[in-house]
C-alpha atoms as a PDB file:
ATOM      1  CA  MET A   1       0.000   0.000   0.000  1.00  0.00           C
ATOM      2  CA  THR A   2       2.894   2.369   0.672  1.00  0.00           C
ATOM      3  CA  GLN A   3       3.916   1.948  -2.971  1.00  0.00           C
ATOM      4  CA  ILE A   4       0.552   3.410  -3.991  1.00  0.00           C
ATOM      5  CA  VAL A   5       1.190   6.359  -1.669  1.00  0.00           C
ATOM      6  CA  ALA A   6       4.591   6.871  -3.292  1.00  0.00           C
ATOM      7  CA  LEU A   7       3.101   6.677  -6.793  1.00  0.00           C
ATOM      8  CA  SER A   8       0.393   9.135  -5.771  1.00  0.00           C
ATOM      9  CA  GLY A   9       3.087  11.450  -4.484  1.00  0.00           C
ATOM     10  CA  LEU A  10       4.940  11.220  -7.783  1.00  0.00           C
ATOM     11  CA  ALA A  11       1.733  12.036  -9.669  1.00  0.00           C
ATOM     12  CA  VAL A  12       1.019  15.048  -7.449  1.00  0.00           C
ATOM     13  CA  ALA A  13       4.586  16.298  -7.835  1.00  0.00           C
ATOM     14  CA  ALA A  14       4.413  15.823 -11.613  1.00  0.00           C
ATOM     15  CA  LEU A  15       1.189  17.845 -11.827  1.00  0.00           C
ATOM     16  CA  GLY A  16       2.819  20.489  -9.670  1.00  0.00           C
ATOM     17  CA  ALA A  17       5.792  20.579 -12.024  1.00  0.00           C
ATOM     18  CA  VAL A  18       3.457  21.100 -14.985  1.00  0.00           C
ATOM     19  CA  GLY A  19       1.788  23.977 -13.141  1.00  0.00           C
ATOM     20  CA  ALA A  20       5.106  25.530 -12.154  1.00  0.00           C
ATOM     21  CA  ILE A  21       6.471  25.382 -15.696  1.00  0.00           C
ATOM     22  CA  ARG A  22       3.264  25.909 -17.708  1.00  0.00           C
ATOM     23  CA  PRO A  23       0.452  27.285 -15.559  1.00  0.00           C
ATOM     24  CA  ALA A  24      -1.896  27.663 -18.533  1.00  0.00           C
ATOM     25  CA  THR A  25      -1.567  23.962 -19.373  1.00  0.00           C
ATOM     26  CA  LEU A  26      -2.436  22.961 -15.821  1.00  0.00           C
ATOM     27  CA  LEU A  27      -5.452  25.287 -15.854  1.00  0.00           C
ATOM     28  CA  ASP A  28      -6.653  23.807 -19.155  1.00  0.00           C
ATOM     29  CA  TRP A  29      -6.474  20.318 -17.644  1.00  0.00           C
ATOM     30  CA  ALA A  30      -8.185  21.427 -14.436  1.00  0.00           C
ATOM     31  CA  ARG A  31     -11.069  23.053 -16.337  1.00  0.00           C
ATOM     32  CA  HIS A  32     -12.068  19.633 -17.627  1.00  0.00           C
ATOM     33  CA  PHE A  33     -12.700  18.606 -14.031  1.00  0.00           C
ATOM     34  CA  TRP A  34     -14.488  21.601 -12.565  1.00  0.00           C
ATOM     35  CA  GLN A  35     -16.745  22.225 -15.558  1.00  0.00           C
ATOM     36  CA  THR A  36     -18.493  18.848 -15.913  1.00  0.00           C
ATOM     37  CA  PRO A  37     -20.432  16.645 -13.498  1.00  0.00           C
ATOM     38  CA  ARG A  38     -18.340  13.667 -14.541  1.00  0.00           C
ATOM     39  CA  GLY A  39     -15.107  15.553 -13.890  1.00  0.00           C
ATOM     40  CA  LEU A  40     -16.314  16.721 -10.503  1.00  0.00           C
ATOM     41  CA  ALA A  41     -17.276  13.160  -9.595  1.00  0.00           C
ATOM     42  CA  GLY A  42     -13.802  12.071 -10.680  1.00  0.00           C
ATOM     43  CA  VAL A  43     -12.223  14.640  -8.375  1.00  0.00           C
ATOM     44  CA  ALA A  44     -14.362  13.409  -5.483  1.00  0.00           C
ATOM     45  CA  ALA A  45     -13.432   9.790  -6.231  1.00  0.00           C
ATOM     46  CA  LEU A  46      -9.711  10.606  -6.438  1.00  0.00           C
ATOM     47  CA  ARG A  47      -9.768  12.432  -3.111  1.00  0.00           C
ATOM     48  CA  LEU A  48     -11.738   9.669  -1.413  1.00  0.00           C
ATOM     49  CA  GLY A  49      -9.453   7.037  -2.903  1.00  0.00           C
ATOM     50  CA  LEU A  50      -6.289   8.849  -1.853  1.00  0.00           C
ATOM     51  CA  GLY A  51      -7.709   9.278   1.631  1.00  0.00           C
ATOM     52  CA  ALA A  52      -8.475   5.573   1.893  1.00  0.00           C
ATOM     53  CA  VAL A  53      -5.000   4.632   0.662  1.00  0.00           C
ATOM     54  CA  LEU A  54      -3.358   7.035   3.101  1.00  0.00           C
ATOM     55  CA  TRP A  55      -5.455   5.685   5.979  1.00  0.00           C
ATOM     56  CA  VAL A  56      -4.549   2.068   5.275  1.00  0.00           C
ATOM     57  CA  ALA A  57      -0.875   2.843   4.636  1.00  0.00           C
ATOM     58  CA  ALA A  58      -0.426   5.193   7.610  1.00  0.00           C
ATOM     59  CA  PRO A  59       0.769   2.564  10.128  1.00  0.00           C
ATOM     60  CA  ARG A  60       3.651   1.644   7.807  1.00  0.00           C
ATOM     61  CA  CYS A  61       4.676   5.234   7.037  1.00  0.00           C
ATOM     62  CA  ARG A  62       7.392   7.321   8.675  1.00  0.00           C
ATOM     63  CA  GLN A  63       4.882   9.720  10.240  1.00  0.00           C
ATOM     64  CA  PRO A  64       1.690   7.707  10.749  1.00  0.00           C
ATOM     65  CA  ASP A  65      -0.170  10.390  12.697  1.00  0.00           C
ATOM     66  CA  VAL A  66       0.432  13.030  10.039  1.00  0.00           C
ATOM     67  CA  VAL A  67      -0.563  10.611   7.279  1.00  0.00           C
ATOM     68  CA  GLN A  68      -3.787   9.775   9.124  1.00  0.00           C
ATOM     69  CA  VAL A  69      -4.636  13.484   9.416  1.00  0.00           C
ATOM     70  CA  LEU A  70      -3.971  13.878   5.693  1.00  0.00           C
ATOM     71  CA  ALA A  71      -6.176  10.852   5.038  1.00  0.00           C
ATOM     72  CA  VAL A  72      -9.070  12.374   6.965  1.00  0.00           C
ATOM     73  CA  LEU A  73      -8.630  15.742   5.228  1.00  0.00           C
ATOM     74  CA  SER A  74      -8.595  14.034   1.845  1.00  0.00           C
ATOM     75  CA  MET A  75     -11.727  12.027   2.594  1.00  0.00           C
ATOM     76  CA  VAL A  76     -13.594  15.032   3.997  1.00  0.00           C
ATOM     77  CA  SER A  77     -12.667  17.119   0.965  1.00  0.00           C
ATOM     78  CA  GLY A  78     -13.726  14.299  -1.355  1.00  0.00           C
ATOM     79  CA  ALA A  79     -17.041  13.846   0.411  1.00  0.00           C
ATOM     80  CA  SER A  80     -17.705  17.601   0.323  1.00  0.00           C
ATOM     81  CA  VAL A  81     -17.225  17.955  -3.447  1.00  0.00           C
ATOM     82  CA  PRO A  82     -20.787  16.847  -4.303  1.00  0.00           C
ATOM     83  CA  LEU A  83     -22.144  19.197  -1.633  1.00  0.00           C
ATOM     84  CA  ILE A  84     -20.366  22.143  -3.229  1.00  0.00           C
ATOM     85  CA  GLY A  85     -21.979  21.472  -6.585  1.00  0.00           C
ATOM     86  CA  LEU A  86     -20.898  22.095 -10.135  1.00  0.00           C
ATOM     87  CA  ARG A  87     -21.786  25.801 -10.254  1.00  0.00           C
ATOM     88  CA  ARG A  88     -19.799  26.701  -7.145  1.00  0.00           C
ATOM     89  CA  ALA A  89     -16.887  24.462  -8.134  1.00  0.00           C
ATOM     90  CA  ALA A  90     -16.750  26.108 -11.567  1.00  0.00           C
ATOM     91  CA  ALA A  91     -16.939  29.582 -10.011  1.00  0.00           C
ATOM     92  CA  PHE A  92     -14.143  28.752  -7.585  1.00  0.00           C
ATOM     93  CA  GLY A  93     -12.052  27.222 -10.381  1.00  0.00           C
ATOM     94  CA  GLU A  94     -12.466  30.303 -12.545  1.00  0.00           C
ATOM     95  CA  TRP A  95     -11.595  32.565  -9.624  1.00  0.00           C
ATOM     96  CA  TRP A  96      -8.497  30.470  -8.969  1.00  0.00           C
ATOM     97  CA  ALA A  97      -7.517  30.682 -12.650  1.00  0.00           C
ATOM     98  CA  SER A  98      -8.076  34.460 -12.703  1.00  0.00           C
ATOM     99  CA  GLN A  99      -5.458  35.031  -9.992  1.00  0.00           C
ATOM    100  CA  GLY A 100      -2.685  34.823 -12.549  1.00  0.00           C
ATOM    101  CA  PRO A 101       0.273  32.581 -13.319  1.00  0.00           C
ATOM    102  CA  GLY A 102       2.218  33.562 -10.194  1.00  0.00           C
ATOM    103  CA  PHE A 103      -0.611  32.314  -7.998  1.00  0.00           C
ATOM    104  CA  VAL A 104      -0.829  29.048  -9.950  1.00  0.00           C
ATOM    105  CA  ARG A 105       2.931  28.613  -9.753  1.00  0.00           C
ATOM    106  CA  GLY A 106       2.888  29.166  -5.998  1.00  0.00           C
ATOM    107  CA  TRP A 107       0.272  26.470  -5.454  1.00  0.00           C
ATOM    108  CA  SER A 108       2.114  24.253  -7.910  1.00  0.00           C
ATOM    109  CA  LEU A 109       5.274  24.530  -5.812  1.00  0.00           C
ATOM    110  CA  PHE A 110       3.198  23.497  -2.814  1.00  0.00           C
ATOM    111  CA  ALA A 111       1.939  20.489  -4.827  1.00  0.00           C
ATOM    112  CA  ILE A 112       5.519  19.515  -5.655  1.00  0.00           C
ATOM    113  CA  ALA A 113       6.489  19.707  -1.983  1.00  0.00           C
ATOM    114  CA  PHE A 114       3.420  17.728  -0.935  1.00  0.00           C
ATOM    115  CA  GLY A 115       4.101  15.066  -3.555  1.00  0.00           C
ATOM    116  CA  VAL A 116       7.726  14.758  -2.470  1.00  0.00           C
ATOM    117  CA  TYR A 117       6.557  14.500   1.135  1.00  0.00           C
ATOM    118  CA  LEU A 118       4.214  11.622   0.230  1.00  0.00           C
ATOM    119  CA  VAL A 119       7.082   9.804  -1.468  1.00  0.00           C
ATOM    120  CA  TRP A 120       9.411  10.390   1.482  1.00  0.00           C
ATOM    121  CA  VAL A 121       6.877   9.420   4.140  1.00  0.00           C
ATOM    122  CA  SER A 122       6.014   6.188   2.350  1.00  0.00           C
ATOM    123  CA  THR A 123       9.567   4.885   1.893  1.00  0.00           C
END
């Protein structure tokens, strides 16, 4: 299970790298998720799935308590996506995109750090 956490971390870091290098490309990809019901359901499923994987893997990770907190946060955020709804998610996504490339790059650097942390904590 820790291998799945590490692979998830690599995926998060890779998406962060795309956003840091080409913010517009990341925003184009993200729009596919926040503009359709299917995409929004996919986001919810990914967050719930990551949360479940983190929860199960936590006892075998370097910082099990931190990983369990991250698991709960991921599951809560995944469960809240349908409550937010497509209109609000799209409005938030467009607001996020309107903040400019520096804002996207900043969050992308955070994603890289978070992805690297997931890899480190799972090895």
